[in-house]
């Protein structure tokens, strides 16, 4: 007698399957496999998606990163900072902008998957 398989989690799914789940959710369809649908629903309804930080609009972190980058460059130029320091500050702002955009994309994907995965 074999032990029952552990429940499938989002992390267990291959990347191609996760992409397929998000693509189907974007069209308003759920994945046909019930185990994948259950894993997607659990991922999309994780408590971290509903945390206070994730209640902000998706554009806030990228916009804050862009404003911070411009502010850092202006302050760096005003205090006559060396160019390498200004380059590092701009690079940090660009990284924050990219991370903010990725976070906004993940939140919208989770919302779409959660909406279709909850349906019977």
PDB file of N, CA and C in Angstrom:
ATOM      1  N   UNK A   1       0.845  -1.175   0.000  1.00  0.00           N
ATOM      2  CA  UNK A   1       0.000   0.000   0.000  1.00  0.00           C
ATOM      3  C   UNK A   1       0.890   1.237   0.000  1.00  0.00           C
ATOM      4  N   UNK A   2       0.635   2.141  -0.936  1.00  0.00           N
ATOM      5  CA  UNK A   2       1.446   3.353  -1.023  1.00  0.00           C
ATOM      6  C   UNK A   2       0.771   4.480  -0.252  1.00  0.00           C
ATOM      7  N   UNK A   3       1.609   5.348   0.249  1.00  0.00           N
ATOM      8  CA  UNK A   3       1.091   6.490   0.992  1.00  0.00           C
ATOM      9  C   UNK A   3       0.454   7.474   0.015  1.00  0.00           C
ATOM     10  N   UNK A   4      -0.589   8.152   0.425  1.00  0.00           N
ATOM     11  CA  UNK A   4      -1.204   9.129  -0.476  1.00  0.00           C
ATOM     12  C   UNK A   4      -0.224  10.268  -0.759  1.00  0.00           C
ATOM     13  N   UNK A   5      -0.282  10.778  -1.972  1.00  0.00           N
ATOM     14  CA  UNK A   5       0.604  11.875  -2.355  1.00  0.00           C
ATOM     15  C   UNK A   5       0.246  13.128  -1.559  1.00  0.00           C
ATOM     16  N   UNK A   6       1.275  13.881  -1.241  1.00  0.00           N
ATOM     17  CA  UNK A   6       1.045  15.141  -0.528  1.00  0.00           C
ATOM     18  C   UNK A   6       0.274  16.087  -1.437  1.00  0.00           C
ATOM     19  N   UNK A   7      -0.537  16.944  -0.860  1.00  0.00           N
ATOM     20  CA  UNK A   7      -1.276  17.901  -1.688  1.00  0.00           C
ATOM     21  C   UNK A   7      -0.314  18.760  -2.512  1.00  0.00           C
ATOM     22  N   UNK A   8      -0.700  19.026  -3.731  1.00  0.00           N
ATOM     23  CA  UNK A   8       0.105  19.829  -4.644  1.00  0.00           C
ATOM     24  C   UNK A   8       0.072  21.285  -4.199  1.00  0.00           C
ATOM     25  N   UNK A   9       1.228  21.950  -4.222  1.00  0.00           N
ATOM     26  CA  UNK A   9       1.288  23.378  -3.905  1.00  0.00           C
ATOM     27  C   UNK A   9       1.694  24.141  -5.154  1.00  0.00           C
ATOM     28  N   UNK A  10       1.529  25.456  -5.111  1.00  0.00           N
ATOM     29  CA  UNK A  10       1.888  26.306  -6.246  1.00  0.00           C
ATOM     30  C   UNK A  10       3.361  26.157  -6.575  1.00  0.00           C
ATOM     31  N   UNK A  11       4.206  26.059  -5.555  1.00  0.00           N
ATOM     32  CA  UNK A  11       5.646  25.921  -5.784  1.00  0.00           C
ATOM     33  C   UNK A  11       5.993  24.585  -6.442  1.00  0.00           C
ATOM     34  N   UNK A  12       5.160  23.571  -6.233  1.00  0.00           N
ATOM     35  CA  UNK A  12       5.399  22.267  -6.845  1.00  0.00           C
ATOM     36  C   UNK A  12       5.095  22.263  -8.339  1.00  0.00           C
ATOM     37  N   UNK A  13       4.269  23.190  -8.790  1.00  0.00           N
ATOM     38  CA  UNK A  13       3.872  23.200 -10.191  1.00  0.00           C
ATOM     39  C   UNK A  13       5.027  23.659 -11.080  1.00  0.00           C
ATOM     40  N   UNK A  14       5.185  23.022 -12.229  1.00  0.00           N
ATOM     41  CA  UNK A  14       6.201  23.506 -13.164  1.00  0.00           C
ATOM     42  C   UNK A  14       5.859  24.920 -13.645  1.00  0.00           C
ATOM     43  N   UNK A  15       6.865  25.645 -14.050  1.00  0.00           N
ATOM     44  CA  UNK A  15       6.658  27.013 -14.500  1.00  0.00           C
ATOM     45  C   UNK A  15       5.651  27.080 -15.638  1.00  0.00           C
ATOM     46  N   UNK A  16       5.729  26.144 -16.565  1.00  0.00           N
ATOM     47  CA  UNK A  16       4.797  26.150 -17.700  1.00  0.00           C
ATOM     48  C   UNK A  16       3.347  26.010 -17.226  1.00  0.00           C
ATOM     49  N   UNK A  17       3.124  25.211 -16.209  1.00  0.00           N
ATOM     50  CA  UNK A  17       1.766  25.040 -15.680  1.00  0.00           C
ATOM     51  C   UNK A  17       1.293  26.309 -14.996  1.00  0.00           C
ATOM     52  N   UNK A  18       2.182  26.956 -14.235  1.00  0.00           N
ATOM     53  CA  UNK A  18       1.806  28.207 -13.578  1.00  0.00           C
ATOM     54  C   UNK A  18       1.473  29.289 -14.598  1.00  0.00           C
ATOM     55  N   UNK A  19       2.269  29.348 -15.665  1.00  0.00           N
ATOM     56  CA  UNK A  19       1.996  30.324 -16.728  1.00  0.00           C
ATOM     57  C   UNK A  19       0.648  30.018 -17.371  1.00  0.00           C
ATOM     58  N   UNK A  20       0.368  28.735 -17.584  1.00  0.00           N
ATOM     59  CA  UNK A  20      -0.903  28.336 -18.180  1.00  0.00           C
ATOM     60  C   UNK A  20      -2.076  28.721 -17.267  1.00  0.00           C
ATOM     61  N   UNK A  21      -1.922  28.522 -15.965  1.00  0.00           N
ATOM     62  CA  UNK A  21      -2.984  28.873 -15.015  1.00  0.00           C
ATOM     63  C   UNK A  21      -3.276  30.379 -15.081  1.00  0.00           C
ATOM     64  N   UNK A  22      -2.236  31.190 -15.087  1.00  0.00           N
ATOM     65  CA  UNK A  22      -2.416  32.646 -15.128  1.00  0.00           C
ATOM     66  C   UNK A  22      -3.010  33.066 -16.477  1.00  0.00           C
ATOM     67  N   UNK A  23      -2.543  32.461 -17.566  1.00  0.00           N
ATOM     68  CA  UNK A  23      -3.072  32.784 -18.899  1.00  0.00           C
ATOM     69  C   UNK A  23      -4.558  32.435 -18.979  1.00  0.00           C
ATOM     70  N   UNK A  24      -4.922  31.244 -18.502  1.00  0.00           N
ATOM     71  CA  UNK A  24      -6.332  30.854 -18.497  1.00  0.00           C
ATOM     72  C   UNK A  24      -7.163  31.787 -17.623  1.00  0.00           C
ATOM     73  N   UNK A  25      -6.622  32.165 -16.472  1.00  0.00           N
ATOM     74  CA  UNK A  25      -7.348  33.063 -15.569  1.00  0.00           C
ATOM     75  C   UNK A  25      -7.575  34.418 -16.225  1.00  0.00           C
ATOM     76  N   UNK A  26      -6.611  34.862 -17.010  1.00  0.00           N
ATOM     77  CA  UNK A  26      -6.777  36.128 -17.724  1.00  0.00           C
ATOM     78  C   UNK A  26      -7.931  36.084 -18.711  1.00  0.00           C
ATOM     79  N   UNK A  27      -8.231  34.883 -19.219  1.00  0.00           N
ATOM     80  CA  UNK A  27      -9.358  34.709 -20.137  1.00  0.00           C
ATOM     81  C   UNK A  27     -10.639  34.352 -19.380  1.00  0.00           C
ATOM     82  N   UNK A  28     -10.550  34.265 -18.045  1.00  0.00           N
ATOM     83  CA  UNK A  28     -11.728  33.956 -17.240  1.00  0.00           C
ATOM     84  C   UNK A  28     -12.014  32.476 -17.113  1.00  0.00           C
ATOM     85  N   UNK A  29     -11.016  31.640 -17.391  1.00  0.00           N
ATOM     86  CA  UNK A  29     -11.196  30.192 -17.323  1.00  0.00           C
ATOM     87  C   UNK A  29     -10.325  29.611 -16.216  1.00  0.00           C
ATOM     88  N   UNK A  30     -10.806  28.542 -15.592  1.00  0.00           N
ATOM     89  CA  UNK A  30     -10.028  27.833 -14.580  1.00  0.00           C
ATOM     90  C   UNK A  30      -9.271  26.686 -15.248  1.00  0.00           C
ATOM     91  N   UNK A  31      -8.201  26.250 -14.621  1.00  0.00           N
ATOM     92  CA  UNK A  31      -7.432  25.116 -15.135  1.00  0.00           C
ATOM     93  C   UNK A  31      -8.284  23.858 -15.038  1.00  0.00           C
ATOM     94  N   UNK A  32      -8.216  22.979 -16.037  1.00  0.00           N
ATOM     95  CA  UNK A  32      -9.078  21.793 -16.003  1.00  0.00           C
ATOM     96  C   UNK A  32      -8.701  20.768 -14.933  1.00  0.00           C
ATOM     97  N   UNK A  33      -7.442  20.738 -14.489  1.00  0.00           N
ATOM     98  CA  UNK A  33      -7.007  19.765 -13.479  1.00  0.00           C
ATOM     99  C   UNK A  33      -7.408  20.265 -12.090  1.00  0.00           C
ATOM    100  N   UNK A  34      -8.229  19.484 -11.352  1.00  0.00           N
ATOM    101  CA  UNK A  34      -8.680  19.939 -10.022  1.00  0.00           C
ATOM    102  C   UNK A  34      -7.533  20.153  -9.031  1.00  0.00           C
ATOM    103  N   UNK A  35      -6.482  19.334  -9.100  1.00  0.00           N
ATOM    104  CA  UNK A  35      -5.359  19.496  -8.165  1.00  0.00           C
ATOM    105  C   UNK A  35      -4.617  20.803  -8.443  1.00  0.00           C
ATOM    106  N   UNK A  36      -4.430  21.123  -9.715  1.00  0.00           N
ATOM    107  CA  UNK A  36      -3.769  22.377 -10.083  1.00  0.00           C
ATOM    108  C   UNK A  36      -4.653  23.559  -9.699  1.00  0.00           C
ATOM    109  N   UNK A  37      -5.953  23.427  -9.937  1.00  0.00           N
ATOM    110  CA  UNK A  37      -6.895  24.492  -9.587  1.00  0.00           C
ATOM    111  C   UNK A  37      -6.880  24.746  -8.085  1.00  0.00           C
ATOM    112  N   UNK A  38      -6.810  23.668  -7.288  1.00  0.00           N
ATOM    113  CA  UNK A  38      -6.772  23.806  -5.828  1.00  0.00           C
ATOM    114  C   UNK A  38      -5.474  24.501  -5.390  1.00  0.00           C
ATOM    115  N   UNK A  39      -4.343  24.097  -5.984  1.00  0.00           N
ATOM    116  CA  UNK A  39      -3.056  24.722  -5.640  1.00  0.00           C
ATOM    117  C   UNK A  39      -3.065  26.201  -6.026  1.00  0.00           C
ATOM    118  N   UNK A  40      -3.638  26.505  -7.184  1.00  0.00           N
ATOM    119  CA  UNK A  40      -3.705  27.902  -7.633  1.00  0.00           C
ATOM    120  C   UNK A  40      -4.591  28.719  -6.703  1.00  0.00           C
ATOM    121  N   UNK A  41      -5.705  28.148  -6.283  1.00  0.00           N
ATOM    122  CA  UNK A  41      -6.606  28.858  -5.373  1.00  0.00           C
ATOM    123  C   UNK A  41      -5.914  29.137  -4.036  1.00  0.00           C
ATOM    124  N   UNK A  42      -5.181  28.159  -3.522  1.00  0.00           N
ATOM    125  CA  UNK A  42      -4.469  28.367  -2.250  1.00  0.00           C
ATOM    126  C   UNK A  42      -3.420  29.461  -2.386  1.00  0.00           C
ATOM    127  N   UNK A  43      -2.709  29.474  -3.535  1.00  0.00           N
ATOM    128  CA  UNK A  43      -1.706  30.514  -3.758  1.00  0.00           C
ATOM    129  C   UNK A  43      -2.368  31.888  -3.855  1.00  0.00           C
ATOM    130  N   UNK A  44      -3.464  31.957  -4.594  1.00  0.00           N
ATOM    131  CA  UNK A  44      -4.120  33.241  -4.841  1.00  0.00           C
ATOM    132  C   UNK A  44      -4.808  33.796  -3.601  1.00  0.00           C
ATOM    133  N   UNK A  45      -5.100  32.948  -2.632  1.00  0.00           N
ATOM    134  CA  UNK A  45      -5.788  33.415  -1.421  1.00  0.00           C
ATOM    135  C   UNK A  45      -4.881  33.417  -0.202  1.00  0.00           C
ATOM    136  N   UNK A  46      -3.565  33.399  -0.421  1.00  0.00           N
ATOM    137  CA  UNK A  46      -2.629  33.463   0.708  1.00  0.00           C
ATOM    138  C   UNK A  46      -2.872  34.731   1.512  1.00  0.00           C
ATOM    139  N   UNK A  47      -2.695  34.673   2.809  1.00  0.00           N
ATOM    140  CA  UNK A  47      -2.908  35.876   3.632  1.00  0.00           C
ATOM    141  C   UNK A  47      -2.034  37.052   3.214  1.00  0.00           C
ATOM    142  N   UNK A  48      -0.841  36.807   2.669  1.00  0.00           N
ATOM    143  CA  UNK A  48       0.039  37.919   2.308  1.00  0.00           C
ATOM    144  C   UNK A  48      -0.545  38.774   1.189  1.00  0.00           C
ATOM    145  N   UNK A  49      -1.393  38.190   0.320  1.00  0.00           N
ATOM    146  CA  UNK A  49      -1.998  38.983  -0.753  1.00  0.00           C
ATOM    147  C   UNK A  49      -3.007  39.981  -0.190  1.00  0.00           C
ATOM    148  N   UNK A  50      -3.554  39.702   0.973  1.00  0.00           N
ATOM    149  CA  UNK A  50      -4.543  40.618   1.541  1.00  0.00           C
ATOM    150  C   UNK A  50      -3.957  41.476   2.664  1.00  0.00           C
ATOM    151  N   UNK A  51      -2.637  41.468   2.796  1.00  0.00           N
ATOM    152  CA  UNK A  51      -2.019  42.267   3.857  1.00  0.00           C
ATOM    153  C   UNK A  51      -2.201  43.755   3.584  1.00  0.00           C
ATOM    154  N   UNK A  52      -1.943  44.557   4.569  1.00  0.00           N
ATOM    155  CA  UNK A  52      -2.135  46.005   4.447  1.00  0.00           C
ATOM    156  C   UNK A  52      -1.311  46.583   3.297  1.00  0.00           C
ATOM    157  N   UNK A  53      -0.075  46.145   3.127  1.00  0.00           N
ATOM    158  CA  UNK A  53       0.771  46.683   2.061  1.00  0.00           C
ATOM    159  C   UNK A  53       0.207  46.363   0.686  1.00  0.00           C
ATOM    160  N   UNK A  54      -0.452  45.233   0.554  1.00  0.00           N
ATOM    161  CA  UNK A  54      -1.001  44.858  -0.735  1.00  0.00           C
ATOM    162  C   UNK A  54      -2.361  45.477  -1.010  1.00  0.00           C
ATOM    163  N   UNK A  55      -2.863  46.275  -0.101  1.00  0.00           N
ATOM    164  CA  UNK A  55      -4.126  46.979  -0.353  1.00  0.00           C
ATOM    165  C   UNK A  55      -3.887  48.286  -1.090  1.00  0.00           C
ATOM    166  N   UNK A  56      -2.627  48.704  -1.174  1.00  0.00           N
ATOM    167  CA  UNK A  56      -2.302  49.907  -1.922  1.00  0.00           C
ATOM    168  C   UNK A  56      -2.469  49.631  -3.410  1.00  0.00           C
ATOM    169  N   UNK A  57      -2.774  50.641  -4.204  1.00  0.00           N
ATOM    170  CA  UNK A  57      -2.857  50.421  -5.652  1.00  0.00           C
ATOM    171  C   UNK A  57      -1.508  49.928  -6.193  1.00  0.00           C
ATOM    172  N   UNK A  58      -1.553  49.153  -7.247  1.00  0.00           N
ATOM    173  CA  UNK A  58      -0.340  48.552  -7.793  1.00  0.00           C
ATOM    174  C   UNK A  58       0.685  49.537  -8.308  1.00  0.00           C
ATOM    175  N   UNK A  59       0.264  50.745  -8.635  1.00  0.00           N
ATOM    176  CA  UNK A  59       1.190  51.721  -9.196  1.00  0.00           C
ATOM    177  C   UNK A  59       1.984  52.465  -8.127  1.00  0.00           C
ATOM    178  N   UNK A  60       1.654  52.317  -6.845  1.00  0.00           N
ATOM    179  CA  UNK A  60       2.279  53.155  -5.818  1.00  0.00           C
ATOM    180  C   UNK A  60       3.769  52.881  -5.631  1.00  0.00           C
ATOM    181  N   UNK A  61       4.179  51.616  -5.552  1.00  0.00           N
ATOM    182  CA  UNK A  61       5.605  51.338  -5.347  1.00  0.00           C
ATOM    183  C   UNK A  61       6.439  51.735  -6.561  1.00  0.00           C
ATOM    184  N   UNK A  62       6.047  51.398  -7.790  1.00  0.00           N
ATOM    185  CA  UNK A  62       6.836  51.879  -8.921  1.00  0.00           C
ATOM    186  C   UNK A  62       6.900  53.411  -8.999  1.00  0.00           C
ATOM    187  N   UNK A  63       5.783  54.076  -8.718  1.00  0.00           N
ATOM    188  CA  UNK A  63       5.779  55.543  -8.761  1.00  0.00           C
ATOM    189  C   UNK A  63       6.680  56.110  -7.671  1.00  0.00           C
ATOM    190  N   UNK A  64       6.613  55.519  -6.469  1.00  0.00           N
ATOM    191  CA  UNK A  64       7.469  55.988  -5.370  1.00  0.00           C
ATOM    192  C   UNK A  64       8.941  55.774  -5.712  1.00  0.00           C
ATOM    193  N   UNK A  65       9.262  54.662  -6.371  1.00  0.00           N
ATOM    194  CA  UNK A  65      10.651  54.397  -6.765  1.00  0.00           C
ATOM    195  C   UNK A  65      11.125  55.411  -7.794  1.00  0.00           C
ATOM    196  N   UNK A  66      10.270  55.757  -8.745  1.00  0.00           N
ATOM    197  CA  UNK A  66      10.650  56.735  -9.762  1.00  0.00           C
ATOM    198  C   UNK A  66      10.870  58.113  -9.134  1.00  0.00           C
ATOM    199  N   UNK A  67       9.962  58.512  -8.244  1.00  0.00           N
ATOM    200  CA  UNK A  67      10.108  59.801  -7.567  1.00  0.00           C
ATOM    201  C   UNK A  67      11.362  59.809  -6.703  1.00  0.00           C
ATOM    202  N   UNK A  68      11.598  58.713  -5.996  1.00  0.00           N
ATOM    203  CA  UNK A  68      12.795  58.617  -5.160  1.00  0.00           C
ATOM    204  C   UNK A  68      14.054  58.706  -6.009  1.00  0.00           C
ATOM    205  N   UNK A  69      14.055  58.046  -7.161  1.00  0.00           N
ATOM    206  CA  UNK A  69      15.224  58.101  -8.043  1.00  0.00           C
ATOM    207  C   UNK A  69      15.520  59.509  -8.500  1.00  0.00           C
ATOM    208  N   UNK A  70      14.477  60.232  -8.923  1.00  0.00           N
ATOM    209  CA  UNK A  70      14.672  61.614  -9.365  1.00  0.00           C
ATOM    210  C   UNK A  70      15.145  62.473  -8.199  1.00  0.00           C
ATOM    211  N   UNK A  71      14.541  62.281  -7.039  1.00  0.00           N
ATOM    212  CA  UNK A  71      14.926  63.051  -5.852  1.00  0.00           C
ATOM    213  C   UNK A  71      16.384  62.787  -5.476  1.00  0.00           C
ATOM    214  N   UNK A  72      16.788  61.522  -5.516  1.00  0.00           N
ATOM    215  CA  UNK A  72      18.176  61.196  -5.169  1.00  0.00           C
ATOM    216  C   UNK A  72      19.160  61.821  -6.147  1.00  0.00           C
ATOM    217  N   UNK A  73      18.826  61.826  -7.423  1.00  0.00           N
ATOM    218  CA  UNK A  73      19.718  62.443  -8.408  1.00  0.00           C
ATOM    219  C   UNK A  73      19.798  63.946  -8.179  1.00  0.00           C
ATOM    220  N   UNK A  74      18.662  64.591  -7.928  1.00  0.00           N
ATOM    221  CA  UNK A  74      18.663  66.038  -7.691  1.00  0.00           C
ATOM    222  C   UNK A  74      19.472  66.377  -6.446  1.00  0.00           C
ATOM    223  N   UNK A  75      19.256  65.627  -5.368  1.00  0.00           N
ATOM    224  CA  UNK A  75      20.010  65.874  -4.132  1.00  0.00           C
ATOM    225  C   UNK A  75      21.491  65.582  -4.358  1.00  0.00           C
ATOM    226  N   UNK A  76      21.787  64.494  -5.066  1.00  0.00           N
ATOM    227  CA  UNK A  76      23.191  64.170  -5.348  1.00  0.00           C
ATOM    228  C   UNK A  76      23.875  65.257  -6.150  1.00  0.00           C
ATOM    229  N   UNK A  77      23.175  65.819  -7.127  1.00  0.00           N
ATOM    230  CA  UNK A  77      23.755  66.908  -7.910  1.00  0.00           C
ATOM    231  C   UNK A  77      23.865  68.181  -7.088  1.00  0.00           C
ATOM    232  N   UNK A  78      22.892  68.426  -6.210  1.00  0.00           N
ATOM    233  CA  UNK A  78      22.893  69.646  -5.401  1.00  0.00           C
ATOM    234  C   UNK A  78      24.049  69.668  -4.407  1.00  0.00           C
ATOM    235  N   UNK A  79      24.386  68.512  -3.844  1.00  0.00           N
ATOM    236  CA  UNK A  79      25.473  68.472  -2.862  1.00  0.00           C
ATOM    237  C   UNK A  79      26.801  68.141  -3.524  1.00  0.00           C
ATOM    238  N   UNK A  80      26.802  68.134  -4.864  1.00  0.00           N
ATOM    239  CA  UNK A  80      28.007  67.866  -5.645  1.00  0.00           C
ATOM    240  C   UNK A  80      28.619  66.505  -5.291  1.00  0.00           C
ATOM    241  N   UNK A  81      27.739  65.501  -5.237  1.00  0.00           N
ATOM    242  CA  UNK A  81      28.190  64.132  -4.952  1.00  0.00           C
ATOM    243  C   UNK A  81      28.980  63.610  -6.152  1.00  0.00           C
ATOM    244  N   UNK A  82      29.911  62.705  -5.902  1.00  0.00           N
ATOM    245  CA  UNK A  82      30.662  62.135  -7.026  1.00  0.00           C
ATOM    246  C   UNK A  82      29.739  61.320  -7.936  1.00  0.00           C
ATOM    247  N   UNK A  83      30.052  61.278  -9.229  1.00  0.00           N
ATOM    248  CA  UNK A  83      29.205  60.587 -10.196  1.00  0.00           C
ATOM    249  C   UNK A  83      28.980  59.116  -9.880  1.00  0.00           C
ATOM    250  N   UNK A  84      29.998  58.385  -9.390  1.00  0.00           N
ATOM    251  CA  UNK A  84      29.723  56.974  -9.072  1.00  0.00           C
ATOM    252  C   UNK A  84      28.619  56.804  -8.028  1.00  0.00           C
ATOM    253  N   UNK A  85      28.539  57.721  -7.076  1.00  0.00           N
ATOM    254  CA  UNK A  85      27.492  57.624  -6.054  1.00  0.00           C
ATOM    255  C   UNK A  85      26.128  57.871  -6.690  1.00  0.00           C
ATOM    256  N   UNK A  86      26.035  58.838  -7.594  1.00  0.00           N
ATOM    257  CA  UNK A  86      24.773  59.126  -8.264  1.00  0.00           C
ATOM    258  C   UNK A  86      24.347  57.934  -9.109  1.00  0.00           C
ATOM    259  N   UNK A  87      25.297  57.285  -9.772  1.00  0.00           N
ATOM    260  CA  UNK A  87      24.985  56.099 -10.583  1.00  0.00           C
ATOM    261  C   UNK A  87      24.435  54.982  -9.698  1.00  0.00           C
ATOM    262  N   UNK A  88      25.025  54.796  -8.534  1.00  0.00           N
ATOM    263  CA  UNK A  88      24.549  53.765  -7.604  1.00  0.00           C
ATOM    264  C   UNK A  88      23.138  54.101  -7.124  1.00  0.00           C
ATOM    265  N   UNK A  89      22.874  55.359  -6.833  1.00  0.00           N
ATOM    266  CA  UNK A  89      21.542  55.765  -6.386  1.00  0.00           C
ATOM    267  C   UNK A  89      20.498  55.556  -7.489  1.00  0.00           C
ATOM    268  N   UNK A  90      20.854  55.871  -8.710  1.00  0.00           N
ATOM    269  CA  UNK A  90      19.929  55.653  -9.824  1.00  0.00           C
ATOM    270  C   UNK A  90      19.693  54.162 -10.024  1.00  0.00           C
ATOM    271  N   UNK A  91      20.746  53.364  -9.929  1.00  0.00           N
ATOM    272  CA  UNK A  91      20.597  51.907 -10.073  1.00  0.00           C
ATOM    273  C   UNK A  91      19.680  51.352  -8.985  1.00  0.00           C
ATOM    274  N   UNK A  92      19.807  51.841  -7.755  1.00  0.00           N
ATOM    275  CA  UNK A  92      18.935  51.382  -6.668  1.00  0.00           C
ATOM    276  C   UNK A  92      17.486  51.761  -6.949  1.00  0.00           C
ATOM    277  N   UNK A  93      17.258  52.947  -7.491  1.00  0.00           N
ATOM    278  CA  UNK A  93      15.891  53.367  -7.816  1.00  0.00           C
ATOM    279  C   UNK A  93      15.322  52.516  -8.947  1.00  0.00           C
ATOM    280  N   UNK A  94      16.138  52.170  -9.925  1.00  0.00           N
ATOM    281  CA  UNK A  94      15.678  51.318 -11.034  1.00  0.00           C
ATOM    282  C   UNK A  94      15.321  49.931 -10.515  1.00  0.00           C
ATOM    283  N   UNK A  95      16.130  49.380  -9.620  1.00  0.00           N
ATOM    284  CA  UNK A  95      15.827  48.071  -9.034  1.00  0.00           C
ATOM    285  C   UNK A  95      14.504  48.135  -8.262  1.00  0.00           C
ATOM    286  N   UNK A  96      14.307  49.190  -7.486  1.00  0.00           N
ATOM    287  CA  UNK A  96      13.046  49.339  -6.755  1.00  0.00           C
ATOM    288  C   UNK A  96      11.868  49.462  -7.713  1.00  0.00           C
ATOM    289  N   UNK A  97      12.053  50.159  -8.820  1.00  0.00           N
ATOM    290  CA  UNK A  97      10.992  50.296  -9.822  1.00  0.00           C
ATOM    291  C   UNK A  97      10.640  48.938 -10.425  1.00  0.00           C
ATOM    292  N   UNK A  98      11.643  48.162 -10.797  1.00  0.00           N
ATOM    293  CA  UNK A  98      11.401  46.837 -11.390  1.00  0.00           C
ATOM    294  C   UNK A  98      10.720  45.912 -10.386  1.00  0.00           C
ATOM    295  N   UNK A  99      11.191  45.916  -9.145  1.00  0.00           N
ATOM    296  CA  UNK A  99      10.563  45.077  -8.123  1.00  0.00           C
ATOM    297  C   UNK A  99       9.114  45.494  -7.875  1.00  0.00           C
ATOM    298  N   UNK A 100       8.856  46.777  -7.897  1.00  0.00           N
ATOM    299  CA  UNK A 100       7.483  47.250  -7.729  1.00  0.00           C
ATOM    300  C   UNK A 100       6.587  46.804  -8.870  1.00  0.00           C
ATOM    301  N   UNK A 101       7.096  46.865 -10.097  1.00  0.00           N
ATOM    302  CA  UNK A 101       6.316  46.410 -11.250  1.00  0.00           C
ATOM    303  C   UNK A 101       6.064  44.913 -11.192  1.00  0.00           C
ATOM    304  N   UNK A 102       7.074  44.143 -10.777  1.00  0.00           N
ATOM    305  CA  UNK A 102       6.891  42.695 -10.645  1.00  0.00           C
ATOM    306  C   UNK A 102       5.865  42.370  -9.560  1.00  0.00           C
ATOM    307  N   UNK A 103       5.913  43.101  -8.462  1.00  0.00           N
ATOM    308  CA  UNK A 103       4.945  42.880  -7.387  1.00  0.00           C
ATOM    309  C   UNK A 103       3.530  43.198  -7.824  1.00  0.00           C
ATOM    310  N   UNK A 104       3.374  44.287  -8.575  1.00  0.00           N
ATOM    311  CA  UNK A 104       2.051  44.646  -9.071  1.00  0.00           C
ATOM    312  C   UNK A 104       1.536  43.586 -10.035  1.00  0.00           C
ATOM    313  N   UNK A 105       2.423  43.043 -10.864  1.00  0.00           N
ATOM    314  CA  UNK A 105       2.031  41.998 -11.802  1.00  0.00           C
ATOM    315  C   UNK A 105       1.622  40.730 -11.058  1.00  0.00           C
ATOM    316  N   UNK A 106       2.357  40.366 -10.019  1.00  0.00           N
ATOM    317  CA  UNK A 106       2.026  39.167  -9.244  1.00  0.00           C
ATOM    318  C   UNK A 106       0.684  39.333  -8.542  1.00  0.00           C
ATOM    319  N   UNK A 107       0.421  40.542  -8.017  1.00  0.00           N
ATOM    320  CA  UNK A 107      -0.859  40.772  -7.352  1.00  0.00           C
ATOM    321  C   UNK A 107      -2.022  40.670  -8.311  1.00  0.00           C
ATOM    322  N   UNK A 108      -1.870  41.229  -9.509  1.00  0.00           N
ATOM    323  CA  UNK A 108      -2.973  41.160 -10.464  1.00  0.00           C
ATOM    324  C   UNK A 108      -3.177  39.732 -10.948  1.00  0.00           C
ATOM    325  N   UNK A 109      -2.084  38.971 -11.099  1.00  0.00           N
ATOM    326  CA  UNK A 109      -2.212  37.561 -11.476  1.00  0.00           C
ATOM    327  C   UNK A 109      -2.921  36.773 -10.388  1.00  0.00           C
ATOM    328  N   UNK A 110      -2.569  37.029  -9.134  1.00  0.00           N
ATOM    329  CA  UNK A 110      -3.208  36.324  -8.023  1.00  0.00           C
ATOM    330  C   UNK A 110      -4.691  36.654  -7.948  1.00  0.00           C
ATOM    331  N   UNK A 111      -5.031  37.903  -8.212  1.00  0.00           N
ATOM    332  CA  UNK A 111      -6.449  38.286  -8.180  1.00  0.00           C
ATOM    333  C   UNK A 111      -7.226  37.573  -9.281  1.00  0.00           C
ATOM    334  N   UNK A 112      -6.647  37.480 -10.475  1.00  0.00           N
ATOM    335  CA  UNK A 112      -7.326  36.816 -11.587  1.00  0.00           C
ATOM    336  C   UNK A 112      -7.462  35.321 -11.318  1.00  0.00           C
ATOM    337  N   UNK A 113      -6.395  34.703 -10.823  1.00  0.00           N
ATOM    338  CA  UNK A 113      -6.444  33.260 -10.523  1.00  0.00           C
ATOM    339  C   UNK A 113      -7.437  32.999  -9.401  1.00  0.00           C
ATOM    340  N   UNK A 114      -7.431  33.825  -8.369  1.00  0.00           N
ATOM    341  CA  UNK A 114      -8.356  33.636  -7.262  1.00  0.00           C
ATOM    342  C   UNK A 114      -9.805  33.757  -7.694  1.00  0.00           C
ATOM    343  N   UNK A 115     -10.065  34.658  -8.633  1.00  0.00           N
ATOM    344  CA  UNK A 115     -11.438  34.851  -9.090  1.00  0.00           C
ATOM    345  C   UNK A 115     -11.977  33.634  -9.831  1.00  0.00           C
ATOM    346  N   UNK A 116     -11.136  33.001 -10.652  1.00  0.00           N
ATOM    347  CA  UNK A 116     -11.634  31.841 -11.418  1.00  0.00           C
ATOM    348  C   UNK A 116     -11.477  30.536 -10.660  1.00  0.00           C
ATOM    349  N   UNK A 117     -10.471  30.445  -9.796  1.00  0.00           N
ATOM    350  CA  UNK A 117     -10.231  29.186  -9.084  1.00  0.00           C
ATOM    351  C   UNK A 117     -11.275  28.954  -8.002  1.00  0.00           C
ATOM    352  N   UNK A 118     -11.915  30.001  -7.530  1.00  0.00           N
ATOM    353  CA  UNK A 118     -12.916  29.854  -6.482  1.00  0.00           C
ATOM    354  C   UNK A 118     -14.242  29.332  -7.030  1.00  0.00           C
ATOM    355  N   UNK A 119     -14.425  29.464  -8.342  1.00  0.00           N
ATOM    356  CA  UNK A 119     -15.672  28.989  -8.944  1.00  0.00           C
ATOM    357  C   UNK A 119     -15.699  27.462  -8.985  1.00  0.00           C
ATOM    358  N   UNK A 120     -16.873  26.867  -8.862  1.00  0.00           N
ATOM    359  CA  UNK A 120     -16.956  25.402  -8.920  1.00  0.00           C
ATOM    360  C   UNK A 120     -16.670  24.863 -10.310  1.00  0.00           C
TER     361      UNK A 120
END
